[in-house]
């Protein structure tokens, strides 16, 4: 389910954008959190960047057998060597 929320912000005197506490908490943004800002037409899209540690510690939604993984790794190695 996608929940859309609209909040009006003002740009700070030095061009800063300060998301309200409610938004920071909802997205799990912390001080020094890396974010990605993208301009698409007339929209500014801000996305939280996840650390590699966070990504690796998240359980996988895909199950794969050892034999399937081994075959995938071999196929990928062959493709890279071409």
PDB file of N, CA and C in Angstrom:
ATOM      1  N   UNK A   1       0.840  -1.170   0.000  1.00  0.00           N
ATOM      2  CA  UNK A   1       0.000   0.000   0.000  1.00  0.00           C
ATOM      3  C   UNK A   1       0.891   1.240   0.000  1.00  0.00           C
ATOM      4  N   UNK A   2       0.612   2.165  -0.873  1.00  0.00           N
ATOM      5  CA  UNK A   2       1.366   3.413  -0.950  1.00  0.00           C
ATOM      6  C   UNK A   2       0.550   4.502  -0.273  1.00  0.00           C
ATOM      7  N   UNK A   3       1.174   5.144   0.682  1.00  0.00           N
ATOM      8  CA  UNK A   3       0.506   6.239   1.383  1.00  0.00           C
ATOM      9  C   UNK A   3       1.173   7.527   0.956  1.00  0.00           C
ATOM     10  N   UNK A   4       0.390   8.441   0.423  1.00  0.00           N
ATOM     11  CA  UNK A   4       0.926   9.710  -0.043  1.00  0.00           C
ATOM     12  C   UNK A   4       0.604  10.791   0.975  1.00  0.00           C
ATOM     13  N   UNK A   5       1.601  11.583   1.283  1.00  0.00           N
ATOM     14  CA  UNK A   5       1.417  12.660   2.239  1.00  0.00           C
ATOM     15  C   UNK A   5       2.051  13.914   1.663  1.00  0.00           C
ATOM     16  N   UNK A   6       1.343  14.997   1.701  1.00  0.00           N
ATOM     17  CA  UNK A   6       1.865  16.250   1.159  1.00  0.00           C
ATOM     18  C   UNK A   6       2.142  17.219   2.297  1.00  0.00           C
ATOM     19  N   UNK A   7       3.336  17.782   2.265  1.00  0.00           N
ATOM     20  CA  UNK A   7       3.755  18.741   3.284  1.00  0.00           C
ATOM     21  C   UNK A   7       4.407  19.914   2.564  1.00  0.00           C
ATOM     22  N   UNK A   8       4.059  21.097   2.950  1.00  0.00           N
ATOM     23  CA  UNK A   8       4.657  22.294   2.353  1.00  0.00           C
ATOM     24  C   UNK A   8       5.834  22.727   3.213  1.00  0.00           C
ATOM     25  N   UNK A   9       6.990  22.879   2.570  1.00  0.00           N
ATOM     26  CA  UNK A   9       8.211  23.313   3.242  1.00  0.00           C
ATOM     27  C   UNK A   9       8.684  24.612   2.619  1.00  0.00           C
ATOM     28  N   UNK A  10       9.482  25.329   3.364  1.00  0.00           N
ATOM     29  CA  UNK A  10      10.154  26.502   2.822  1.00  0.00           C
ATOM     30  C   UNK A  10      11.640  26.197   2.729  1.00  0.00           C
ATOM     31  N   UNK A  11      12.277  26.746   1.725  1.00  0.00           N
ATOM     32  CA  UNK A  11      13.719  26.610   1.566  1.00  0.00           C
ATOM     33  C   UNK A  11      14.389  27.566   2.541  1.00  0.00           C
ATOM     34  N   UNK A  12      15.404  27.081   3.258  1.00  0.00           N
ATOM     35  CA  UNK A  12      16.129  27.913   4.213  1.00  0.00           C
ATOM     36  C   UNK A  12      16.913  29.022   3.517  1.00  0.00           C
ATOM     37  N   UNK A  13      17.450  29.939   4.291  1.00  0.00           N
ATOM     38  CA  UNK A  13      18.162  31.094   3.740  1.00  0.00           C
ATOM     39  C   UNK A  13      19.410  30.702   2.953  1.00  0.00           C
ATOM     40  N   UNK A  14      19.961  29.515   3.230  1.00  0.00           N
ATOM     41  CA  UNK A  14      21.146  29.029   2.507  1.00  0.00           C
ATOM     42  C   UNK A  14      20.787  27.910   1.528  1.00  0.00           C
ATOM     43  N   UNK A  15      19.492  27.740   1.239  1.00  0.00           N
ATOM     44  CA  UNK A  15      19.046  26.722   0.295  1.00  0.00           C
ATOM     45  C   UNK A  15      18.790  25.364   0.915  1.00  0.00           C
ATOM     46  N   UNK A  16      18.781  25.285   2.233  1.00  0.00           N
ATOM     47  CA  UNK A  16      18.576  24.010   2.912  1.00  0.00           C
ATOM     48  C   UNK A  16      17.098  23.592   2.842  1.00  0.00           C
ATOM     49  N   UNK A  17      16.913  22.283   2.866  1.00  0.00           N
ATOM     50  CA  UNK A  17      15.574  21.722   2.978  1.00  0.00           C
ATOM     51  C   UNK A  17      15.553  20.910   4.265  1.00  0.00           C
ATOM     52  N   UNK A  18      14.602  21.207   5.127  1.00  0.00           N
ATOM     53  CA  UNK A  18      14.512  20.523   6.414  1.00  0.00           C
ATOM     54  C   UNK A  18      13.195  19.760   6.505  1.00  0.00           C
ATOM     55  N   UNK A  19      13.238  18.441   6.308  1.00  0.00           N
ATOM     56  CA  UNK A  19      12.002  17.674   6.451  1.00  0.00           C
ATOM     57  C   UNK A  19      11.561  17.657   7.913  1.00  0.00           C
ATOM     58  N   UNK A  20      10.268  17.759   8.153  1.00  0.00           N
ATOM     59  CA  UNK A  20       9.776  17.747   9.532  1.00  0.00           C
ATOM     60  C   UNK A  20      10.087  16.425  10.234  1.00  0.00           C
ATOM     61  N   UNK A  21      10.086  16.470  11.561  1.00  0.00           N
ATOM     62  CA  UNK A  21      10.402  15.297  12.384  1.00  0.00           C
ATOM     63  C   UNK A  21       9.527  14.106  12.012  1.00  0.00           C
ATOM     64  N   UNK A  22       8.258  14.354  11.753  1.00  0.00           N
ATOM     65  CA  UNK A  22       7.313  13.286  11.401  1.00  0.00           C
ATOM     66  C   UNK A  22       7.792  12.518  10.160  1.00  0.00           C
ATOM     67  N   UNK A  23       8.278  13.240   9.159  1.00  0.00           N
ATOM     68  CA  UNK A  23       8.767  12.623   7.927  1.00  0.00           C
ATOM     69  C   UNK A  23      10.094  11.908   8.182  1.00  0.00           C
ATOM     70  N   UNK A  24      11.002  12.552   8.921  1.00  0.00           N
ATOM     71  CA  UNK A  24      12.293  11.918   9.226  1.00  0.00           C
ATOM     72  C   UNK A  24      12.090  10.600   9.961  1.00  0.00           C
ATOM     73  N   UNK A  25      11.176  10.586  10.913  1.00  0.00           N
ATOM     74  CA  UNK A  25      10.897   9.360  11.662  1.00  0.00           C
ATOM     75  C   UNK A  25      10.265   8.300  10.765  1.00  0.00           C
ATOM     76  N   UNK A  26       9.331   8.709   9.929  1.00  0.00           N
ATOM     77  CA  UNK A  26       8.642   7.766   9.042  1.00  0.00           C
ATOM     78  C   UNK A  26       9.623   7.085   8.084  1.00  0.00           C
ATOM     79  N   UNK A  27      10.613   7.838   7.590  1.00  0.00           N
ATOM     80  CA  UNK A  27      11.590   7.298   6.654  1.00  0.00           C
ATOM     81  C   UNK A  27      12.840   6.751   7.331  1.00  0.00           C
ATOM     82  N   UNK A  28      12.948   6.948   8.639  1.00  0.00           N
ATOM     83  CA  UNK A  28      14.126   6.467   9.361  1.00  0.00           C
ATOM     84  C   UNK A  28      15.370   7.288   9.040  1.00  0.00           C
ATOM     85  N   UNK A  29      15.200   8.573   8.752  1.00  0.00           N
ATOM     86  CA  UNK A  29      16.334   9.443   8.441  1.00  0.00           C
ATOM     87  C   UNK A  29      17.002   9.894   9.724  1.00  0.00           C
ATOM     88  N   UNK A  30      18.324   9.829   9.747  1.00  0.00           N
ATOM     89  CA  UNK A  30      19.103  10.231  10.908  1.00  0.00           C
ATOM     90  C   UNK A  30      20.114  11.290  10.479  1.00  0.00           C
ATOM     91  N   UNK A  31      20.702  12.015  11.424  1.00  0.00           N
ATOM     92  CA  UNK A  31      21.721  12.993  11.053  1.00  0.00           C
ATOM     93  C   UNK A  31      22.839  12.313  10.249  1.00  0.00           C
ATOM     94  N   UNK A  32      23.307  12.974   9.233  1.00  0.00           N
ATOM     95  CA  UNK A  32      24.355  12.491   8.324  1.00  0.00           C
ATOM     96  C   UNK A  32      23.912  11.305   7.467  1.00  0.00           C
ATOM     97  N   UNK A  33      22.620  11.025   7.427  1.00  0.00           N
ATOM     98  CA  UNK A  33      22.073   9.953   6.586  1.00  0.00           C
ATOM     99  C   UNK A  33      22.247  10.342   5.120  1.00  0.00           C
ATOM    100  N   UNK A  34      22.869   9.488   4.315  1.00  0.00           N
ATOM    101  CA  UNK A  34      22.975   9.825   2.895  1.00  0.00           C
ATOM    102  C   UNK A  34      21.610   9.701   2.225  1.00  0.00           C
ATOM    103  N   UNK A  35      21.305  10.661   1.391  1.00  0.00           N
ATOM    104  CA  UNK A  35      20.062  10.644   0.628  1.00  0.00           C
ATOM    105  C   UNK A  35      20.384  10.926  -0.834  1.00  0.00           C
ATOM    106  N   UNK A  36      19.488  10.537  -1.710  1.00  0.00           N
ATOM    107  CA  UNK A  36      19.646  10.766  -3.139  1.00  0.00           C
ATOM    108  C   UNK A  36      18.568  11.739  -3.576  1.00  0.00           C
ATOM    109  N   UNK A  37      18.971  12.830  -4.216  1.00  0.00           N
ATOM    110  CA  UNK A  37      18.018  13.807  -4.733  1.00  0.00           C
ATOM    111  C   UNK A  37      18.036  13.740  -6.252  1.00  0.00           C
ATOM    112  N   UNK A  38      16.862  13.592  -6.843  1.00  0.00           N
ATOM    113  CA  UNK A  38      16.725  13.494  -8.285  1.00  0.00           C
ATOM    114  C   UNK A  38      15.724  14.540  -8.756  1.00  0.00           C
ATOM    115  N   UNK A  39      16.032  15.200  -9.855  1.00  0.00           N
ATOM    116  CA  UNK A  39      15.093  16.132 -10.461  1.00  0.00           C
ATOM    117  C   UNK A  39      14.465  15.431 -11.653  1.00  0.00           C
ATOM    118  N   UNK A  40      13.145  15.334 -11.647  1.00  0.00           N
ATOM    119  CA  UNK A  40      12.396  14.735 -12.752  1.00  0.00           C
ATOM    120  C   UNK A  40      11.335  15.736 -13.172  1.00  0.00           C
ATOM    121  N   UNK A  41      11.586  16.357 -14.332  1.00  0.00           N
ATOM    122  CA  UNK A  41      10.728  17.437 -14.830  1.00  0.00           C
ATOM    123  C   UNK A  41      10.633  18.513 -13.760  1.00  0.00           C
ATOM    124  N   UNK A  42       9.468  18.744 -13.207  1.00  0.00           N
ATOM    125  CA  UNK A  42       9.335  19.809 -12.200  1.00  0.00           C
ATOM    126  C   UNK A  42       9.262  19.248 -10.778  1.00  0.00           C
ATOM    127  N   UNK A  43       9.727  18.006 -10.599  1.00  0.00           N
ATOM    128  CA  UNK A  43       9.646  17.365  -9.293  1.00  0.00           C
ATOM    129  C   UNK A  43      11.035  17.129  -8.718  1.00  0.00           C
ATOM    130  N   UNK A  44      11.148  17.302  -7.428  1.00  0.00           N
ATOM    131  CA  UNK A  44      12.357  16.961  -6.692  1.00  0.00           C
ATOM    132  C   UNK A  44      12.036  15.696  -5.912  1.00  0.00           C
ATOM    133  N   UNK A  45      12.746  14.624  -6.193  1.00  0.00           N
ATOM    134  CA  UNK A  45      12.504  13.348  -5.535  1.00  0.00           C
ATOM    135  C   UNK A  45      13.665  13.085  -4.586  1.00  0.00           C
ATOM    136  N   UNK A  46      13.352  12.837  -3.342  1.00  0.00           N
ATOM    137  CA  UNK A  46      14.365  12.574  -2.326  1.00  0.00           C
ATOM    138  C   UNK A  46      14.161  11.163  -1.823  1.00  0.00           C
ATOM    139  N   UNK A  47      15.241  10.363  -1.893  1.00  0.00           N
ATOM    140  CA  UNK A  47      15.162   8.968  -1.459  1.00  0.00           C
ATOM    141  C   UNK A  47      16.260   8.674  -0.459  1.00  0.00           C
ATOM    142  N   UNK A  48      15.922   7.872   0.507  1.00  0.00           N
ATOM    143  CA  UNK A  48      16.895   7.419   1.492  1.00  0.00           C
ATOM    144  C   UNK A  48      17.810   6.404   0.824  1.00  0.00           C
ATOM    145  N   UNK A  49      19.115   6.527   1.046  1.00  0.00           N
ATOM    146  CA  UNK A  49      20.064   5.532   0.574  1.00  0.00           C
ATOM    147  C   UNK A  49      20.354   4.580   1.725  1.00  0.00           C
ATOM    148  N   UNK A  50      20.316   3.303   1.428  1.00  0.00           N
ATOM    149  CA  UNK A  50      20.578   2.295   2.452  1.00  0.00           C
ATOM    150  C   UNK A  50      22.053   1.905   2.421  1.00  0.00           C
ATOM    151  N   UNK A  51      22.627   1.702   3.580  1.00  0.00           N
ATOM    152  CA  UNK A  51      24.024   1.279   3.657  1.00  0.00           C
ATOM    153  C   UNK A  51      24.129  -0.177   3.218  1.00  0.00           C
ATOM    154  N   UNK A  52      25.303  -0.576   2.806  1.00  0.00           N
ATOM    155  CA  UNK A  52      25.524  -1.954   2.398  1.00  0.00           C
ATOM    156  C   UNK A  52      25.281  -2.896   3.574  1.00  0.00           C
ATOM    157  N   UNK A  53      25.623  -2.460   4.784  1.00  0.00           N
ATOM    158  CA  UNK A  53      25.378  -3.283   5.975  1.00  0.00           C
ATOM    159  C   UNK A  53      23.881  -3.519   6.167  1.00  0.00           C
ATOM    160  N   UNK A  54      23.095  -2.474   5.958  1.00  0.00           N
ATOM    161  CA  UNK A  54      21.644  -2.573   6.083  1.00  0.00           C
ATOM    162  C   UNK A  54      21.086  -3.528   5.033  1.00  0.00           C
ATOM    163  N   UNK A  55      21.571  -3.421   3.810  1.00  0.00           N
ATOM    164  CA  UNK A  55      21.097  -4.278   2.721  1.00  0.00           C
ATOM    165  C   UNK A  55      21.449  -5.737   3.004  1.00  0.00           C
ATOM    166  N   UNK A  56      22.691  -5.974   3.423  1.00  0.00           N
ATOM    167  CA  UNK A  56      23.128  -7.344   3.668  1.00  0.00           C
ATOM    168  C   UNK A  56      22.471  -7.979   4.891  1.00  0.00           C
ATOM    169  N   UNK A  57      22.040  -7.166   5.842  1.00  0.00           N
ATOM    170  CA  UNK A  57      21.417  -7.718   7.050  1.00  0.00           C
ATOM    171  C   UNK A  57      19.919  -7.950   6.864  1.00  0.00           C
ATOM    172  N   UNK A  58      19.348  -7.476   5.754  1.00  0.00           N
ATOM    173  CA  UNK A  58      17.930  -7.685   5.483  1.00  0.00           C
ATOM    174  C   UNK A  58      17.736  -9.091   4.915  1.00  0.00           C
ATOM    175  N   UNK A  59      16.843  -9.868   5.508  1.00  0.00           N
ATOM    176  CA  UNK A  59      16.630 -11.224   4.999  1.00  0.00           C
ATOM    177  C   UNK A  59      16.165 -11.203   3.539  1.00  0.00           C
ATOM    178  N   UNK A  60      16.646 -12.139   2.789  1.00  0.00           N
ATOM    179  CA  UNK A  60      16.293 -12.252   1.377  1.00  0.00           C
ATOM    180  C   UNK A  60      14.854 -12.725   1.234  1.00  0.00           C
ATOM    181  N   UNK A  61      14.170 -12.222   0.219  1.00  0.00           N
ATOM    182  CA  UNK A  61      12.809 -12.664  -0.056  1.00  0.00           C
ATOM    183  C   UNK A  61      12.813 -13.816  -1.055  1.00  0.00           C
ATOM    184  N   UNK A  62      13.989 -14.176  -1.542  1.00  0.00           N
ATOM    185  CA  UNK A  62      14.117 -15.231  -2.537  1.00  0.00           C
ATOM    186  C   UNK A  62      14.882 -16.396  -1.930  1.00  0.00           C
ATOM    187  N   UNK A  63      14.370 -17.578  -2.114  1.00  0.00           N
ATOM    188  CA  UNK A  63      15.049 -18.784  -1.644  1.00  0.00           C
ATOM    189  C   UNK A  63      15.718 -19.435  -2.845  1.00  0.00           C
ATOM    190  N   UNK A  64      16.966 -19.861  -2.675  1.00  0.00           N
ATOM    191  CA  UNK A  64      17.684 -20.522  -3.754  1.00  0.00           C
ATOM    192  C   UNK A  64      18.518 -21.643  -3.148  1.00  0.00           C
ATOM    193  N   UNK A  65      18.536 -22.769  -3.820  1.00  0.00           N
ATOM    194  CA  UNK A  65      19.299 -23.901  -3.308  1.00  0.00           C
ATOM    195  C   UNK A  65      20.790 -23.659  -3.542  1.00  0.00           C
ATOM    196  N   UNK A  66      21.601 -24.393  -2.826  1.00  0.00           N
ATOM    197  CA  UNK A  66      23.044 -24.288  -2.990  1.00  0.00           C
ATOM    198  C   UNK A  66      23.447 -24.636  -4.413  1.00  0.00           C
ATOM    199  N   UNK A  67      22.846 -25.687  -4.972  1.00  0.00           N
ATOM    200  CA  UNK A  67      23.200 -26.134  -6.320  1.00  0.00           C
ATOM    201  C   UNK A  67      22.805 -25.091  -7.371  1.00  0.00           C
ATOM    202  N   UNK A  68      21.640 -24.477  -7.192  1.00  0.00           N
ATOM    203  CA  UNK A  68      21.206 -23.424  -8.127  1.00  0.00           C
ATOM    204  C   UNK A  68      22.143 -22.221  -8.019  1.00  0.00           C
ATOM    205  N   UNK A  69      22.541 -21.866  -6.790  1.00  0.00           N
ATOM    206  CA  UNK A  69      23.473 -20.748  -6.591  1.00  0.00           C
ATOM    207  C   UNK A  69      24.818 -21.041  -7.250  1.00  0.00           C
ATOM    208  N   UNK A  70      25.300 -22.259  -7.071  1.00  0.00           N
ATOM    209  CA  UNK A  70      26.587 -22.651  -7.651  1.00  0.00           C
ATOM    210  C   UNK A  70      26.533 -22.560  -9.183  1.00  0.00           C
ATOM    211  N   UNK A  71      25.426 -23.029  -9.771  1.00  0.00           N
ATOM    212  CA  UNK A  71      25.271 -22.962 -11.224  1.00  0.00           C
ATOM    213  C   UNK A  71      25.203 -21.511 -11.691  1.00  0.00           C
ATOM    214  N   UNK A  72      24.468 -20.687 -10.968  1.00  0.00           N
ATOM    215  CA  UNK A  72      24.364 -19.267 -11.304  1.00  0.00           C
ATOM    216  C   UNK A  72      25.744 -18.615 -11.272  1.00  0.00           C
ATOM    217  N   UNK A  73      26.516 -18.911 -10.236  1.00  0.00           N
ATOM    218  CA  UNK A  73      27.860 -18.347 -10.091  1.00  0.00           C
ATOM    219  C   UNK A  73      28.757 -18.778 -11.255  1.00  0.00           C
ATOM    220  N   UNK A  74      28.673 -20.050 -11.635  1.00  0.00           N
ATOM    221  CA  UNK A  74      29.467 -20.544 -12.762  1.00  0.00           C
ATOM    222  C   UNK A  74      29.055 -19.857 -14.071  1.00  0.00           C
ATOM    223  N   UNK A  75      27.754 -19.736 -14.296  1.00  0.00           N
ATOM    224  CA  UNK A  75      27.258 -19.073 -15.507  1.00  0.00           C
ATOM    225  C   UNK A  75      27.707 -17.621 -15.554  1.00  0.00           C
ATOM    226  N   UNK A  76      27.642 -16.946 -14.413  1.00  0.00           N
ATOM    227  CA  UNK A  76      28.050 -15.543 -14.348  1.00  0.00           C
ATOM    228  C   UNK A  76      29.538 -15.395 -14.612  1.00  0.00           C
ATOM    229  N   UNK A  77      30.343 -16.289 -14.060  1.00  0.00           N
ATOM    230  CA  UNK A  77      31.784 -16.265 -14.277  1.00  0.00           C
ATOM    231  C   UNK A  77      32.102 -16.460 -15.747  1.00  0.00           C
ATOM    232  N   UNK A  78      31.430 -17.405 -16.393  1.00  0.00           N
ATOM    233  CA  UNK A  78      31.637 -17.623 -17.829  1.00  0.00           C
ATOM    234  C   UNK A  78      31.274 -16.382 -18.630  1.00  0.00           C
ATOM    235  N   UNK A  79      30.182 -15.748 -18.258  1.00  0.00           N
ATOM    236  CA  UNK A  79      29.732 -14.544 -18.981  1.00  0.00           C
ATOM    237  C   UNK A  79      30.735 -13.406 -18.824  1.00  0.00           C
ATOM    238  N   UNK A  80      31.281 -13.264 -17.652  1.00  0.00           N
ATOM    239  CA  UNK A  80      32.262 -12.188 -17.401  1.00  0.00           C
ATOM    240  C   UNK A  80      33.543 -12.440 -18.188  1.00  0.00           C
ATOM    241  N   UNK A  81      33.935 -13.702 -18.292  1.00  0.00           N
ATOM    242  CA  UNK A  81      35.186 -14.036 -18.971  1.00  0.00           C
ATOM    243  C   UNK A  81      35.098 -13.900 -20.489  1.00  0.00           C
ATOM    244  N   UNK A  82      33.898 -13.823 -21.026  1.00  0.00           N
ATOM    245  CA  UNK A  82      33.749 -13.670 -22.493  1.00  0.00           C
ATOM    246  C   UNK A  82      34.177 -12.314 -22.964  1.00  0.00           C
TER     247      UNK A  82
END
